[in-house]
Amino acid sequence: MKKLLATVIASAALLSPVAQADLTEDLQNICTIVKNNDKGELRKKMRGVKDDYRMRLGDFYEGVSCGGQSLIRYAMANGANDVGAYMVGQMGKSDLSKPEGDGMTLQQWADSNGFLASETGKELLDRLN
């Protein structure tokens, strides 16, 4: 039993970096997809990540940065409202309410940058309320 447990732990340790590297590779062009407001391609990408890694958007959202911004901020800044609203709908309220790297929540950032009136901003407000 101890040998089996040791084998399982060793296998998991060896596969973990590979899985992380593969996930990074699979998410490589997500910023381009968001910038181009390609909702269909984003859905396809997220479905692949869900199937391959059993991860939702909220599971990898914090680890992805596009030009120093989170995915939803990047979508708002680039006018990618279809993709932005879709991502807001895929995230949990608690994830949307978390302060990001600069200490501001999405709502605070959107408000201070004039994006609350956008489709993504409206979807964010609806989701949070």
N, C-alpha and C. Protein backbone atom coordinates (compact mmCIF):
# COMPACT_ATOMS: atom_id res chain seq x y z
N MET A 1 0.83 -1.20 0.00
CA MET A 1 0.00 0.00 0.00
C MET A 1 0.87 1.26 0.00
N LYS A 2 1.95 1.22 0.80
CA LYS A 2 2.83 2.38 0.86
C LYS A 2 3.53 2.61 -0.48
N LYS A 3 3.91 1.51 -1.15
CA LYS A 3 4.55 1.65 -2.46
C LYS A 3 3.59 2.25 -3.48
N LEU A 4 2.33 1.83 -3.43
CA LEU A 4 1.33 2.37 -4.36
C LEU A 4 1.12 3.85 -4.12
N LEU A 5 1.02 4.23 -2.84
CA LEU A 5 0.83 5.64 -2.50
C LEU A 5 2.03 6.47 -2.95
N ALA A 6 3.23 5.95 -2.72
CA ALA A 6 4.45 6.66 -3.14
C ALA A 6 4.49 6.80 -4.66
N THR A 7 4.07 5.77 -5.38
CA THR A 7 4.05 5.81 -6.84
C THR A 7 3.05 6.86 -7.34
N VAL A 8 1.89 6.90 -6.73
CA VAL A 8 0.87 7.87 -7.12
C VAL A 8 1.36 9.29 -6.86
N ILE A 9 1.95 9.52 -5.70
CA ILE A 9 2.46 10.86 -5.36
C ILE A 9 3.58 11.26 -6.32
N ALA A 10 4.49 10.34 -6.59
CA ALA A 10 5.59 10.63 -7.51
C ALA A 10 5.07 10.93 -8.92
N SER A 11 4.10 10.17 -9.36
CA SER A 11 3.51 10.39 -10.69
C SER A 11 2.84 11.74 -10.77
N ALA A 12 2.11 12.10 -9.73
CA ALA A 12 1.43 13.40 -9.71
C ALA A 12 2.44 14.53 -9.73
N ALA A 13 3.52 14.37 -8.99
CA ALA A 13 4.55 15.41 -8.96
C ALA A 13 5.22 15.57 -10.33
N LEU A 14 5.42 14.47 -11.01
CA LEU A 14 6.05 14.53 -12.33
C LEU A 14 5.13 15.11 -13.39
N LEU A 15 3.85 14.84 -13.31
CA LEU A 15 2.90 15.30 -14.32
C LEU A 15 2.45 16.73 -14.11
N SER A 16 2.51 17.23 -12.91
CA SER A 16 2.00 18.56 -12.60
C SER A 16 2.65 19.67 -13.43
N PRO A 17 3.99 19.75 -13.51
CA PRO A 17 4.58 20.80 -14.34
C PRO A 17 4.21 20.67 -15.82
N VAL A 18 4.07 19.45 -16.29
CA VAL A 18 3.71 19.23 -17.69
C VAL A 18 2.31 19.76 -17.94
N ALA A 19 1.39 19.45 -17.03
CA ALA A 19 0.02 19.93 -17.18
C ALA A 19 -0.02 21.45 -17.16
N GLN A 20 0.77 22.07 -16.29
CA GLN A 20 0.82 23.53 -16.22
C GLN A 20 1.37 24.11 -17.51
N ALA A 21 2.42 23.48 -18.03
CA ALA A 21 3.01 23.96 -19.29
C ALA A 21 2.02 23.82 -20.43
N ASP A 22 1.29 22.71 -20.47
CA ASP A 22 0.30 22.51 -21.51
C ASP A 22 -0.83 23.52 -21.41
N LEU A 23 -1.28 23.81 -20.19
CA LEU A 23 -2.34 24.80 -20.00
C LEU A 23 -1.87 26.17 -20.47
N THR A 24 -0.65 26.53 -20.13
CA THR A 24 -0.10 27.81 -20.58
C THR A 24 -0.06 27.87 -22.10
N GLU A 25 0.33 26.77 -22.70
CA GLU A 25 0.36 26.71 -24.17
C GLU A 25 -1.04 26.82 -24.76
N ASP A 26 -2.00 26.13 -24.13
CA ASP A 26 -3.38 26.16 -24.62
C ASP A 26 -4.01 27.55 -24.49
N LEU A 27 -3.58 28.32 -23.51
CA LEU A 27 -4.14 29.66 -23.29
C LEU A 27 -3.31 30.75 -23.96
N GLN A 28 -2.30 30.36 -24.70
CA GLN A 28 -1.34 31.31 -25.27
C GLN A 28 -2.00 32.44 -26.07
N ASN A 29 -2.97 32.16 -26.89
CA ASN A 29 -3.54 33.20 -27.75
C ASN A 29 -4.86 33.76 -27.23
N ILE A 30 -5.15 33.55 -25.96
CA ILE A 30 -6.43 34.01 -25.42
C ILE A 30 -6.53 35.54 -25.45
N CYS A 31 -5.43 36.24 -25.28
CA CYS A 31 -5.47 37.70 -25.32
C CYS A 31 -5.87 38.20 -26.72
N THR A 32 -5.37 37.55 -27.74
CA THR A 32 -5.74 37.91 -29.12
C THR A 32 -7.22 37.64 -29.35
N ILE A 33 -7.71 36.53 -28.84
CA ILE A 33 -9.12 36.18 -28.98
C ILE A 33 -9.98 37.24 -28.30
N VAL A 34 -9.59 37.66 -27.10
CA VAL A 34 -10.35 38.69 -26.37
C VAL A 34 -10.29 40.01 -27.12
N LYS A 35 -9.12 40.42 -27.53
CA LYS A 35 -8.97 41.70 -28.24
C LYS A 35 -9.79 41.75 -29.51
N ASN A 36 -9.87 40.61 -30.22
CA ASN A 36 -10.64 40.54 -31.46
C ASN A 36 -12.13 40.36 -31.23
N ASN A 37 -12.53 40.26 -29.97
CA ASN A 37 -13.95 40.12 -29.60
C ASN A 37 -14.57 38.88 -30.27
N ASP A 38 -13.80 37.79 -30.29
CA ASP A 38 -14.22 36.56 -30.95
C ASP A 38 -14.84 35.61 -29.91
N LYS A 39 -16.11 35.81 -29.66
CA LYS A 39 -16.82 35.04 -28.64
C LYS A 39 -16.86 33.55 -28.96
N GLY A 40 -17.05 33.20 -30.21
CA GLY A 40 -17.09 31.80 -30.61
C GLY A 40 -15.77 31.10 -30.34
N GLU A 41 -14.68 31.75 -30.69
CA GLU A 41 -13.36 31.16 -30.46
C GLU A 41 -13.05 31.08 -28.96
N LEU A 42 -13.50 32.08 -28.20
CA LEU A 42 -13.30 32.03 -26.74
C LEU A 42 -14.07 30.87 -26.13
N ARG A 43 -15.30 30.68 -26.56
CA ARG A 43 -16.09 29.55 -26.07
C ARG A 43 -15.38 28.23 -26.37
N LYS A 44 -14.89 28.11 -27.59
CA LYS A 44 -14.18 26.91 -28.01
C LYS A 44 -12.93 26.69 -27.14
N LYS A 45 -12.18 27.75 -26.90
CA LYS A 45 -10.97 27.68 -26.09
C LYS A 45 -11.31 27.25 -24.66
N MET A 46 -12.33 27.87 -24.09
CA MET A 46 -12.71 27.56 -22.70
C MET A 46 -13.29 26.15 -22.59
N ARG A 47 -14.01 25.71 -23.59
CA ARG A 47 -14.54 24.35 -23.59
C ARG A 47 -13.39 23.34 -23.62
N GLY A 48 -12.36 23.63 -24.42
CA GLY A 48 -11.18 22.76 -24.47
C GLY A 48 -10.46 22.70 -23.14
N VAL A 49 -10.31 23.84 -22.48
CA VAL A 49 -9.65 23.88 -21.17
C VAL A 49 -10.49 23.12 -20.15
N LYS A 50 -11.79 23.28 -20.22
CA LYS A 50 -12.67 22.56 -19.29
C LYS A 50 -12.57 21.06 -19.50
N ASP A 51 -12.59 20.63 -20.75
CA ASP A 51 -12.51 19.21 -21.06
C ASP A 51 -11.14 18.61 -20.72
N ASP A 52 -10.07 19.33 -21.06
CA ASP A 52 -8.72 18.80 -20.88
C ASP A 52 -8.20 18.91 -19.46
N TYR A 53 -8.57 19.99 -18.76
CA TYR A 53 -7.99 20.25 -17.44
C TYR A 53 -9.02 20.33 -16.31
N ARG A 54 -10.29 20.23 -16.69
CA ARG A 54 -11.38 20.35 -15.71
C ARG A 54 -11.30 21.68 -14.95
N MET A 55 -11.06 22.74 -15.70
CA MET A 55 -10.95 24.07 -15.12
C MET A 55 -11.96 25.01 -15.77
N ARG A 56 -12.55 25.84 -14.94
CA ARG A 56 -13.44 26.89 -15.42
C ARG A 56 -12.64 28.19 -15.55
N LEU A 57 -13.26 29.19 -16.10
CA LEU A 57 -12.61 30.50 -16.25
C LEU A 57 -12.14 31.03 -14.90
N GLY A 58 -12.96 30.90 -13.88
CA GLY A 58 -12.58 31.39 -12.56
C GLY A 58 -11.36 30.70 -11.98
N ASP A 59 -11.08 29.49 -12.43
CA ASP A 59 -9.92 28.74 -11.93
C ASP A 59 -8.59 29.26 -12.47
N PHE A 60 -8.59 29.81 -13.68
CA PHE A 60 -7.33 30.28 -14.26
C PHE A 60 -7.32 31.79 -14.53
N TYR A 61 -8.41 32.48 -14.22
CA TYR A 61 -8.56 33.90 -14.52
C TYR A 61 -7.43 34.75 -13.94
N GLU A 62 -7.10 34.53 -12.67
CA GLU A 62 -6.07 35.34 -12.00
C GLU A 62 -4.69 35.12 -12.59
N GLY A 63 -4.45 33.97 -13.20
CA GLY A 63 -3.14 33.65 -13.74
C GLY A 63 -2.89 34.15 -15.15
N VAL A 64 -3.91 34.75 -15.77
CA VAL A 64 -3.77 35.23 -17.15
C VAL A 64 -3.76 36.75 -17.16
N SER A 65 -2.78 37.30 -17.83
CA SER A 65 -2.65 38.75 -17.94
C SER A 65 -2.44 39.12 -19.40
N CYS A 66 -3.13 40.15 -19.83
CA CYS A 66 -3.01 40.65 -21.20
C CYS A 66 -2.58 42.11 -21.13
N GLY A 67 -1.36 42.38 -21.49
CA GLY A 67 -0.87 43.74 -21.41
C GLY A 67 -0.92 44.30 -20.00
N GLY A 68 -0.74 43.43 -19.01
CA GLY A 68 -0.76 43.86 -17.61
C GLY A 68 -2.16 43.97 -17.02
N GLN A 69 -3.17 43.59 -17.76
CA GLN A 69 -4.56 43.68 -17.29
C GLN A 69 -5.18 42.29 -17.23
N SER A 70 -6.19 42.16 -16.39
CA SER A 70 -6.94 40.91 -16.36
C SER A 70 -7.75 40.79 -17.65
N LEU A 71 -8.27 39.61 -17.90
CA LEU A 71 -9.01 39.37 -19.14
C LEU A 71 -10.21 40.29 -19.31
N ILE A 72 -11.00 40.47 -18.27
CA ILE A 72 -12.20 41.31 -18.38
C ILE A 72 -11.81 42.78 -18.53
N ARG A 73 -10.82 43.23 -17.80
CA ARG A 73 -10.35 44.62 -17.97
C ARG A 73 -9.83 44.82 -19.39
N TYR A 74 -9.11 43.85 -19.89
CA TYR A 74 -8.56 43.93 -21.24
C TYR A 74 -9.69 44.00 -22.27
N ALA A 75 -10.73 43.21 -22.05
CA ALA A 75 -11.88 43.24 -22.95
C ALA A 75 -12.54 44.62 -22.92
N MET A 76 -12.74 45.18 -21.74
CA MET A 76 -13.35 46.51 -21.63
C MET A 76 -12.49 47.56 -22.32
N ALA A 77 -11.19 47.52 -22.07
CA ALA A 77 -10.28 48.52 -22.63
C ALA A 77 -10.21 48.46 -24.15
N ASN A 78 -10.49 47.29 -24.72
CA ASN A 78 -10.44 47.11 -26.17
C ASN A 78 -11.82 47.12 -26.83
N GLY A 79 -12.85 47.43 -26.06
CA GLY A 79 -14.19 47.49 -26.64
C GLY A 79 -14.73 46.15 -27.05
N ALA A 80 -14.21 45.08 -26.48
CA ALA A 80 -14.65 43.72 -26.81
C ALA A 80 -15.82 43.33 -25.91
N ASN A 81 -16.96 43.94 -26.17
CA ASN A 81 -18.11 43.79 -25.28
C ASN A 81 -18.76 42.42 -25.32
N ASP A 82 -18.79 41.78 -26.48
CA ASP A 82 -19.39 40.44 -26.54
C ASP A 82 -18.60 39.46 -25.67
N VAL A 83 -17.29 39.48 -25.83
CA VAL A 83 -16.41 38.60 -25.07
C VAL A 83 -16.42 38.99 -23.59
N GLY A 84 -16.36 40.28 -23.31
CA GLY A 84 -16.35 40.74 -21.92
C GLY A 84 -17.61 40.34 -21.18
N ALA A 85 -18.77 40.57 -21.80
CA ALA A 85 -20.03 40.20 -21.16
C ALA A 85 -20.12 38.69 -20.97
N TYR A 86 -19.63 37.93 -21.93
CA TYR A 86 -19.63 36.47 -21.82
C TYR A 86 -18.78 36.02 -20.64
N MET A 87 -17.58 36.59 -20.50
CA MET A 87 -16.70 36.21 -19.40
C MET A 87 -17.31 36.58 -18.05
N VAL A 88 -17.94 37.74 -17.97
CA VAL A 88 -18.60 38.13 -16.72
C VAL A 88 -19.66 37.10 -16.35
N GLY A 89 -20.41 36.63 -17.34
CA GLY A 89 -21.44 35.63 -17.09
C GLY A 89 -20.88 34.28 -16.66
N GLN A 90 -19.63 33.99 -17.03
CA GLN A 90 -19.00 32.73 -16.67
C GLN A 90 -18.34 32.74 -15.29
N MET A 91 -18.16 33.92 -14.74
CA MET A 91 -17.46 34.07 -13.46
C MET A 91 -18.46 34.10 -12.31
N GLY A 92 -18.02 33.63 -11.16
CA GLY A 92 -18.84 33.70 -9.96
C GLY A 92 -18.82 35.11 -9.38
N LYS A 93 -19.84 35.46 -8.64
CA LYS A 93 -19.92 36.79 -8.04
C LYS A 93 -18.73 37.07 -7.14
N SER A 94 -18.31 36.07 -6.38
CA SER A 94 -17.18 36.28 -5.47
C SER A 94 -15.90 36.55 -6.25
N ASP A 95 -15.71 35.87 -7.37
CA ASP A 95 -14.53 36.12 -8.21
C ASP A 95 -14.56 37.53 -8.81
N LEU A 96 -15.73 37.98 -9.19
CA LEU A 96 -15.87 39.31 -9.78
C LEU A 96 -15.69 40.42 -8.74
N SER A 97 -15.90 40.09 -7.48
CA SER A 97 -15.81 41.08 -6.40
C SER A 97 -14.42 41.16 -5.78
N LYS A 98 -13.52 40.25 -6.15
CA LYS A 98 -12.18 40.24 -5.57
C LYS A 98 -11.36 41.41 -6.09
N PRO A 99 -10.61 42.05 -5.21
CA PRO A 99 -9.67 43.07 -5.68
C PRO A 99 -8.58 42.41 -6.55
N GLU A 100 -8.19 43.10 -7.58
CA GLU A 100 -7.14 42.58 -8.47
C GLU A 100 -5.80 43.12 -8.01
N GLY A 101 -4.78 42.96 -8.80
CA GLY A 101 -3.41 43.32 -8.43
C GLY A 101 -3.23 44.75 -7.95
N ASP A 102 -4.02 45.68 -8.47
CA ASP A 102 -3.90 47.08 -8.06
C ASP A 102 -4.78 47.42 -6.86
N GLY A 103 -5.46 46.42 -6.29
CA GLY A 103 -6.31 46.64 -5.12
C GLY A 103 -7.72 47.06 -5.46
N MET A 104 -8.02 47.24 -6.73
CA MET A 104 -9.36 47.65 -7.15
C MET A 104 -10.14 46.44 -7.66
N THR A 105 -11.44 46.43 -7.38
CA THR A 105 -12.29 45.40 -7.94
C THR A 105 -12.59 45.78 -9.39
N LEU A 106 -13.17 44.86 -10.13
CA LEU A 106 -13.54 45.16 -11.52
C LEU A 106 -14.50 46.34 -11.58
N GLN A 107 -15.47 46.36 -10.67
CA GLN A 107 -16.46 47.44 -10.67
C GLN A 107 -15.79 48.78 -10.39
N GLN A 108 -14.90 48.84 -9.41
CA GLN A 108 -14.21 50.09 -9.10
C GLN A 108 -13.35 50.55 -10.28
N TRP A 109 -12.64 49.61 -10.89
CA TRP A 109 -11.79 49.94 -12.02
C TRP A 109 -12.62 50.43 -13.20
N ALA A 110 -13.71 49.72 -13.50
CA ALA A 110 -14.57 50.12 -14.61
C ALA A 110 -15.17 51.49 -14.38
N ASP A 111 -15.57 51.75 -13.15
CA ASP A 111 -16.15 53.05 -12.81
C ASP A 111 -15.12 54.17 -12.97
N SER A 112 -13.91 53.95 -12.47
CA SER A 112 -12.89 54.99 -12.54
C SER A 112 -12.36 55.22 -13.95
N ASN A 113 -12.55 54.23 -14.84
CA ASN A 113 -12.07 54.37 -16.22
C ASN A 113 -13.18 54.59 -17.23
N GLY A 114 -14.39 54.79 -16.75
CA GLY A 114 -15.52 55.11 -17.63
C GLY A 114 -16.08 53.94 -18.42
N PHE A 115 -15.92 52.71 -17.92
CA PHE A 115 -16.41 51.55 -18.65
C PHE A 115 -17.70 50.96 -18.09
N LEU A 116 -18.26 51.52 -17.03
CA LEU A 116 -19.48 50.95 -16.47
C LEU A 116 -20.67 51.08 -17.43
N ALA A 117 -20.63 52.05 -18.31
CA ALA A 117 -21.73 52.24 -19.26
C ALA A 117 -21.64 51.30 -20.46
N SER A 118 -20.52 50.60 -20.60
CA SER A 118 -20.37 49.66 -21.71
C SER A 118 -21.23 48.42 -21.46
N GLU A 119 -21.40 47.60 -22.50
CA GLU A 119 -22.18 46.36 -22.35
C GLU A 119 -21.56 45.46 -21.28
N THR A 120 -20.25 45.38 -21.27
CA THR A 120 -19.56 44.56 -20.28
C THR A 120 -19.78 45.13 -18.88
N GLY A 121 -19.69 46.44 -18.75
CA GLY A 121 -19.91 47.09 -17.46
C GLY A 121 -21.33 46.86 -16.95
N LYS A 122 -22.30 46.96 -17.85
CA LYS A 122 -23.70 46.73 -17.47
C LYS A 122 -23.91 45.28 -17.04
N GLU A 123 -23.29 44.36 -17.77
CA GLU A 123 -23.39 42.94 -17.41
C GLU A 123 -22.75 42.69 -16.04
N LEU A 124 -21.64 43.35 -15.78
CA LEU A 124 -20.96 43.25 -14.49
C LEU A 124 -21.86 43.73 -13.36
N LEU A 125 -22.48 44.90 -13.55
CA LEU A 125 -23.38 45.43 -12.53
C LEU A 125 -24.58 44.51 -12.31
N ASP A 126 -25.15 44.00 -13.39
CA ASP A 126 -26.28 43.07 -13.26
C ASP A 126 -25.87 41.82 -12.50
N ARG A 127 -24.70 41.32 -12.81
CA ARG A 127 -24.22 40.07 -12.17
C ARG A 127 -23.95 40.28 -10.69
N LEU A 128 -23.42 41.44 -10.33
CA LEU A 128 -23.09 41.71 -8.93
C LEU A 128 -24.30 42.06 -8.08
N ASN A 129 -25.34 42.54 -8.72
CA ASN A 129 -26.54 42.96 -7.96
C ASN A 129 -27.63 41.95 -8.00
